[in-house]
Amino acid sequence: MTDRPIACTLTPGELRSGRTDLLPGLAELADRLAPLPDGMRLVFAPRAATLRRIGEVVARENRCCGFLDFRVRTGGVPGEIRLDVTGPAGTREFLRDLFTGAESVTV
């Protein structure tokens, strides 16, 4: 992984107004969140609509937070969709702060 600065290109106002269509809104839909060494894992119930929503949010996030890497997994653990959001050092803390207020945050 190359060194990329941990910086979102959205203004605070854009982040607030688009919160539901970005990672914070997705975190609120997650059944649970779990820390990873270099990011966070969001775990969801297996629904086609949820998988589509994850794809939409990842596409939006790729435009404003280029330092993040996304990995969606649907196999391995029956009945779960897992989204691993990772990046350079400091990403886990960035995401924890970003997800503050999401009801499902257990980190």
N, C-alpha and C. Protein backbone atom coordinates (compact mmCIF):
# COMPACT_ATOMS: atom_id res chain seq x y z
N MET A 1 0.85 -1.17 0.00
CA MET A 1 0.00 0.00 0.00
C MET A 1 0.89 1.23 0.00
N THR A 2 0.58 2.18 -0.86
CA THR A 2 1.38 3.39 -0.91
C THR A 2 0.96 4.33 0.23
N ASP A 3 1.84 5.25 0.55
CA ASP A 3 1.51 6.24 1.57
C ASP A 3 0.57 7.27 0.97
N ARG A 4 -0.64 7.29 1.49
CA ARG A 4 -1.62 8.27 1.05
C ARG A 4 -2.07 9.04 2.28
N PRO A 5 -2.20 10.35 2.16
CA PRO A 5 -2.64 11.12 3.33
C PRO A 5 -4.07 10.77 3.70
N ILE A 6 -4.33 10.74 5.00
CA ILE A 6 -5.68 10.48 5.49
C ILE A 6 -6.42 11.80 5.47
N ALA A 7 -7.10 12.04 4.36
CA ALA A 7 -7.81 13.30 4.19
C ALA A 7 -9.00 13.10 3.28
N CYS A 8 -10.15 13.54 3.72
CA CYS A 8 -11.37 13.52 2.93
C CYS A 8 -11.45 14.84 2.17
N THR A 9 -11.83 14.80 0.91
CA THR A 9 -11.91 16.02 0.11
C THR A 9 -13.24 16.74 0.26
N LEU A 10 -14.19 16.17 1.03
CA LEU A 10 -15.46 16.85 1.26
C LEU A 10 -15.30 17.92 2.32
N THR A 11 -16.07 18.97 2.19
CA THR A 11 -16.10 19.99 3.23
C THR A 11 -16.92 19.46 4.40
N PRO A 12 -16.78 20.01 5.59
CA PRO A 12 -17.62 19.57 6.71
C PRO A 12 -19.11 19.65 6.40
N GLY A 13 -19.54 20.69 5.67
CA GLY A 13 -20.94 20.83 5.29
C GLY A 13 -21.39 19.73 4.35
N GLU A 14 -20.54 19.38 3.37
CA GLU A 14 -20.87 18.29 2.44
C GLU A 14 -20.94 16.96 3.18
N LEU A 15 -20.04 16.77 4.12
CA LEU A 15 -20.04 15.53 4.89
C LEU A 15 -21.32 15.41 5.72
N ARG A 16 -21.72 16.51 6.35
CA ARG A 16 -22.96 16.49 7.16
C ARG A 16 -24.18 16.25 6.28
N SER A 17 -24.27 16.94 5.16
CA SER A 17 -25.46 16.83 4.32
C SER A 17 -25.53 15.48 3.60
N GLY A 18 -24.39 14.87 3.34
CA GLY A 18 -24.37 13.58 2.65
C GLY A 18 -24.14 12.40 3.55
N ARG A 19 -24.19 12.61 4.84
CA ARG A 19 -23.85 11.58 5.83
C ARG A 19 -24.54 10.25 5.58
N THR A 20 -25.83 10.25 5.26
CA THR A 20 -26.55 8.99 5.09
C THR A 20 -26.10 8.24 3.85
N ASP A 21 -25.54 8.93 2.85
CA ASP A 21 -25.09 8.29 1.62
C ASP A 21 -23.61 7.95 1.62
N LEU A 22 -22.96 8.14 2.78
CA LEU A 22 -21.54 7.86 2.91
C LEU A 22 -21.32 6.84 4.02
N LEU A 23 -20.08 6.59 4.38
CA LEU A 23 -19.76 5.57 5.39
C LEU A 23 -20.49 5.75 6.72
N PRO A 24 -20.67 6.97 7.23
CA PRO A 24 -21.41 7.07 8.51
C PRO A 24 -22.82 6.51 8.43
N GLY A 25 -23.52 6.76 7.33
CA GLY A 25 -24.86 6.22 7.15
C GLY A 25 -24.84 4.71 7.02
N LEU A 26 -23.83 4.18 6.35
CA LEU A 26 -23.70 2.74 6.21
C LEU A 26 -23.41 2.10 7.56
N ALA A 27 -22.58 2.76 8.38
CA ALA A 27 -22.27 2.24 9.71
C ALA A 27 -23.53 2.14 10.56
N GLU A 28 -24.46 3.06 10.38
CA GLU A 28 -25.70 3.02 11.14
C GLU A 28 -26.58 1.83 10.75
N LEU A 29 -26.39 1.31 9.54
CA LEU A 29 -27.15 0.14 9.08
C LEU A 29 -26.51 -1.18 9.50
N ALA A 30 -25.25 -1.12 9.89
CA ALA A 30 -24.51 -2.34 10.22
C ALA A 30 -25.05 -2.99 11.49
N ASP A 31 -25.01 -4.32 11.51
CA ASP A 31 -25.37 -5.05 12.72
C ASP A 31 -24.31 -4.87 13.79
N ARG A 32 -23.05 -4.76 13.34
CA ARG A 32 -21.96 -4.52 14.29
C ARG A 32 -20.73 -4.01 13.54
N LEU A 33 -19.87 -3.37 14.28
CA LEU A 33 -18.59 -2.89 13.78
C LEU A 33 -17.50 -3.53 14.61
N ALA A 34 -16.39 -3.82 13.98
CA ALA A 34 -15.26 -4.41 14.70
C ALA A 34 -13.98 -3.77 14.21
N PRO A 35 -13.07 -3.45 15.12
CA PRO A 35 -11.81 -2.85 14.70
C PRO A 35 -10.93 -3.87 13.98
N LEU A 36 -10.22 -3.40 13.00
CA LEU A 36 -9.17 -4.16 12.32
C LEU A 36 -7.86 -3.43 12.59
N PRO A 37 -6.73 -4.09 12.45
CA PRO A 37 -5.46 -3.40 12.72
C PRO A 37 -5.28 -2.11 11.92
N ASP A 38 -5.81 -2.09 10.69
CA ASP A 38 -5.63 -0.92 9.83
C ASP A 38 -6.96 -0.33 9.36
N GLY A 39 -8.04 -0.56 10.11
CA GLY A 39 -9.33 -0.03 9.72
C GLY A 39 -10.47 -0.57 10.56
N MET A 40 -11.62 -0.77 9.91
CA MET A 40 -12.82 -1.26 10.59
C MET A 40 -13.55 -2.26 9.71
N ARG A 41 -14.25 -3.18 10.35
CA ARG A 41 -15.12 -4.13 9.65
C ARG A 41 -16.56 -3.80 10.00
N LEU A 42 -17.40 -3.67 8.98
CA LEU A 42 -18.83 -3.47 9.15
C LEU A 42 -19.50 -4.78 8.76
N VAL A 43 -20.40 -5.27 9.61
CA VAL A 43 -21.06 -6.56 9.36
C VAL A 43 -22.55 -6.31 9.22
N PHE A 44 -23.13 -6.88 8.16
CA PHE A 44 -24.53 -6.68 7.82
C PHE A 44 -25.24 -8.02 7.64
N ALA A 45 -26.57 -7.99 7.79
CA ALA A 45 -27.39 -9.14 7.44
C ALA A 45 -27.35 -9.28 5.91
N PRO A 46 -27.47 -10.51 5.42
CA PRO A 46 -27.34 -10.74 3.98
C PRO A 46 -28.62 -10.38 3.21
N ARG A 47 -28.64 -9.19 2.67
CA ARG A 47 -29.78 -8.74 1.86
C ARG A 47 -29.24 -8.13 0.57
N ALA A 48 -29.93 -8.40 -0.53
CA ALA A 48 -29.51 -7.85 -1.82
C ALA A 48 -29.50 -6.33 -1.79
N ALA A 49 -30.49 -5.71 -1.16
CA ALA A 49 -30.56 -4.25 -1.08
C ALA A 49 -29.35 -3.70 -0.32
N THR A 50 -28.93 -4.40 0.72
CA THR A 50 -27.77 -3.96 1.49
C THR A 50 -26.51 -4.04 0.64
N LEU A 51 -26.37 -5.11 -0.12
CA LEU A 51 -25.20 -5.26 -0.98
C LEU A 51 -25.16 -4.15 -2.03
N ARG A 52 -26.31 -3.80 -2.60
CA ARG A 52 -26.36 -2.68 -3.55
C ARG A 52 -25.97 -1.37 -2.86
N ARG A 53 -26.48 -1.16 -1.67
CA ARG A 53 -26.17 0.07 -0.93
C ARG A 53 -24.68 0.16 -0.63
N ILE A 54 -24.07 -0.94 -0.25
CA ILE A 54 -22.63 -0.96 0.00
C ILE A 54 -21.89 -0.53 -1.26
N GLY A 55 -22.28 -1.09 -2.40
CA GLY A 55 -21.64 -0.72 -3.67
C GLY A 55 -21.77 0.76 -3.99
N GLU A 56 -22.95 1.33 -3.74
CA GLU A 56 -23.17 2.76 -3.98
C GLU A 56 -22.30 3.62 -3.07
N VAL A 57 -22.24 3.25 -1.80
CA VAL A 57 -21.45 4.03 -0.85
C VAL A 57 -19.96 3.93 -1.18
N VAL A 58 -19.49 2.75 -1.51
CA VAL A 58 -18.08 2.57 -1.85
C VAL A 58 -17.72 3.43 -3.07
N ALA A 59 -18.60 3.46 -4.06
CA ALA A 59 -18.35 4.29 -5.25
C ALA A 59 -18.24 5.77 -4.87
N ARG A 60 -19.11 6.24 -3.98
CA ARG A 60 -19.05 7.65 -3.54
C ARG A 60 -17.78 7.91 -2.74
N GLU A 61 -17.47 7.00 -1.82
CA GLU A 61 -16.30 7.18 -0.96
C GLU A 61 -15.00 7.17 -1.76
N ASN A 62 -14.94 6.40 -2.83
CA ASN A 62 -13.73 6.37 -3.66
C ASN A 62 -13.42 7.73 -4.26
N ARG A 63 -14.45 8.56 -4.44
CA ARG A 63 -14.25 9.89 -5.03
C ARG A 63 -13.73 10.90 -4.01
N CYS A 64 -14.04 10.71 -2.72
CA CYS A 64 -13.65 11.74 -1.75
C CYS A 64 -12.60 11.27 -0.74
N CYS A 65 -12.44 9.98 -0.58
CA CYS A 65 -11.48 9.44 0.39
C CYS A 65 -10.61 8.39 -0.29
N GLY A 66 -9.74 8.85 -1.17
CA GLY A 66 -8.92 7.95 -1.97
C GLY A 66 -7.93 7.12 -1.17
N PHE A 67 -7.73 7.43 0.09
CA PHE A 67 -6.80 6.66 0.92
C PHE A 67 -7.43 5.38 1.43
N LEU A 68 -8.75 5.23 1.32
CA LEU A 68 -9.42 4.04 1.84
C LEU A 68 -9.43 2.91 0.84
N ASP A 69 -9.29 1.70 1.36
CA ASP A 69 -9.44 0.48 0.56
C ASP A 69 -10.67 -0.26 1.08
N PHE A 70 -11.44 -0.84 0.16
CA PHE A 70 -12.68 -1.52 0.52
C PHE A 70 -12.63 -2.96 0.04
N ARG A 71 -13.13 -3.87 0.90
CA ARG A 71 -13.21 -5.27 0.53
C ARG A 71 -14.54 -5.81 1.05
N VAL A 72 -15.39 -6.26 0.12
CA VAL A 72 -16.68 -6.83 0.48
C VAL A 72 -16.56 -8.34 0.43
N ARG A 73 -17.06 -9.00 1.48
CA ARG A 73 -17.01 -10.46 1.54
C ARG A 73 -18.40 -10.98 1.87
N THR A 74 -18.81 -11.97 1.09
CA THR A 74 -20.13 -12.57 1.33
C THR A 74 -20.02 -14.03 1.70
N GLY A 75 -18.87 -14.61 1.58
CA GLY A 75 -18.68 -16.02 1.93
C GLY A 75 -17.93 -16.15 3.24
N GLY A 76 -17.77 -17.37 3.66
CA GLY A 76 -16.99 -17.61 4.88
C GLY A 76 -17.85 -17.74 6.11
N VAL A 77 -18.57 -16.71 6.45
CA VAL A 77 -19.46 -16.75 7.61
C VAL A 77 -20.89 -16.71 7.06
N PRO A 78 -21.63 -17.81 7.18
CA PRO A 78 -22.99 -17.84 6.65
C PRO A 78 -23.85 -16.74 7.28
N GLY A 79 -24.65 -16.12 6.44
CA GLY A 79 -25.58 -15.13 6.95
C GLY A 79 -24.99 -13.76 7.20
N GLU A 80 -23.81 -13.46 6.64
CA GLU A 80 -23.20 -12.15 6.86
C GLU A 80 -22.65 -11.57 5.56
N ILE A 81 -22.73 -10.26 5.46
CA ILE A 81 -21.97 -9.49 4.48
C ILE A 81 -20.98 -8.68 5.31
N ARG A 82 -19.71 -8.77 4.94
CA ARG A 82 -18.69 -8.03 5.67
C ARG A 82 -18.02 -7.02 4.73
N LEU A 83 -17.90 -5.81 5.21
CA LEU A 83 -17.18 -4.77 4.49
C LEU A 83 -16.00 -4.35 5.33
N ASP A 84 -14.80 -4.65 4.83
CA ASP A 84 -13.58 -4.21 5.50
C ASP A 84 -13.13 -2.90 4.86
N VAL A 85 -12.99 -1.88 5.68
CA VAL A 85 -12.52 -0.58 5.23
C VAL A 85 -11.17 -0.37 5.89
N THR A 86 -10.13 -0.31 5.07
CA THR A 86 -8.76 -0.22 5.59
C THR A 86 -8.00 0.90 4.88
N GLY A 87 -6.81 1.17 5.39
CA GLY A 87 -5.97 2.19 4.80
C GLY A 87 -4.66 2.30 5.55
N PRO A 88 -3.96 3.41 5.36
CA PRO A 88 -2.65 3.60 6.01
C PRO A 88 -2.81 3.79 7.52
N ALA A 89 -1.70 3.83 8.20
CA ALA A 89 -1.71 4.05 9.66
C ALA A 89 -2.57 5.25 10.00
N GLY A 90 -3.41 5.07 11.01
CA GLY A 90 -4.31 6.13 11.44
C GLY A 90 -5.73 5.99 10.91
N THR A 91 -5.93 5.06 9.98
CA THR A 91 -7.26 4.88 9.38
C THR A 91 -8.28 4.40 10.40
N ARG A 92 -7.90 3.48 11.26
CA ARG A 92 -8.86 2.97 12.24
C ARG A 92 -9.37 4.11 13.13
N GLU A 93 -8.48 4.97 13.56
CA GLU A 93 -8.87 6.09 14.40
C GLU A 93 -9.75 7.09 13.62
N PHE A 94 -9.39 7.34 12.37
CA PHE A 94 -10.20 8.20 11.50
C PHE A 94 -11.62 7.66 11.39
N LEU A 95 -11.75 6.35 11.13
CA LEU A 95 -13.07 5.74 10.98
C LEU A 95 -13.84 5.73 12.29
N ARG A 96 -13.16 5.45 13.38
CA ARG A 96 -13.83 5.46 14.68
C ARG A 96 -14.44 6.84 14.94
N ASP A 97 -13.68 7.90 14.66
CA ASP A 97 -14.20 9.25 14.84
C ASP A 97 -15.34 9.53 13.86
N LEU A 98 -15.21 9.07 12.63
CA LEU A 98 -16.24 9.27 11.63
C LEU A 98 -17.55 8.57 12.00
N PHE A 99 -17.42 7.40 12.61
CA PHE A 99 -18.60 6.61 12.97
C PHE A 99 -19.20 6.99 14.33
N THR A 100 -18.59 7.92 15.02
CA THR A 100 -19.14 8.34 16.31
C THR A 100 -20.58 8.76 16.12
N GLY A 101 -21.45 8.17 16.93
CA GLY A 101 -22.87 8.47 16.81
C GLY A 101 -23.63 7.35 16.15
N ALA A 102 -22.94 6.47 15.42
CA ALA A 102 -23.63 5.31 14.83
C ALA A 102 -24.01 4.38 15.96
N GLU A 103 -25.28 4.01 16.04
CA GLU A 103 -25.77 3.21 17.15
C GLU A 103 -25.05 1.88 17.29
N SER A 104 -24.58 1.32 16.19
CA SER A 104 -24.01 -0.02 16.24
C SER A 104 -22.52 -0.02 16.60
N VAL A 105 -21.93 1.13 16.79
CA VAL A 105 -20.49 1.18 17.07
C VAL A 105 -20.20 0.49 18.39
N THR A 106 -19.32 -0.51 18.32
CA THR A 106 -18.95 -1.27 19.53
C THR A 106 -17.44 -1.28 19.69
N VAL A 107 -16.77 -0.25 19.21
CA VAL A 107 -15.31 -0.23 19.28
C VAL A 107 -14.82 0.61 20.44
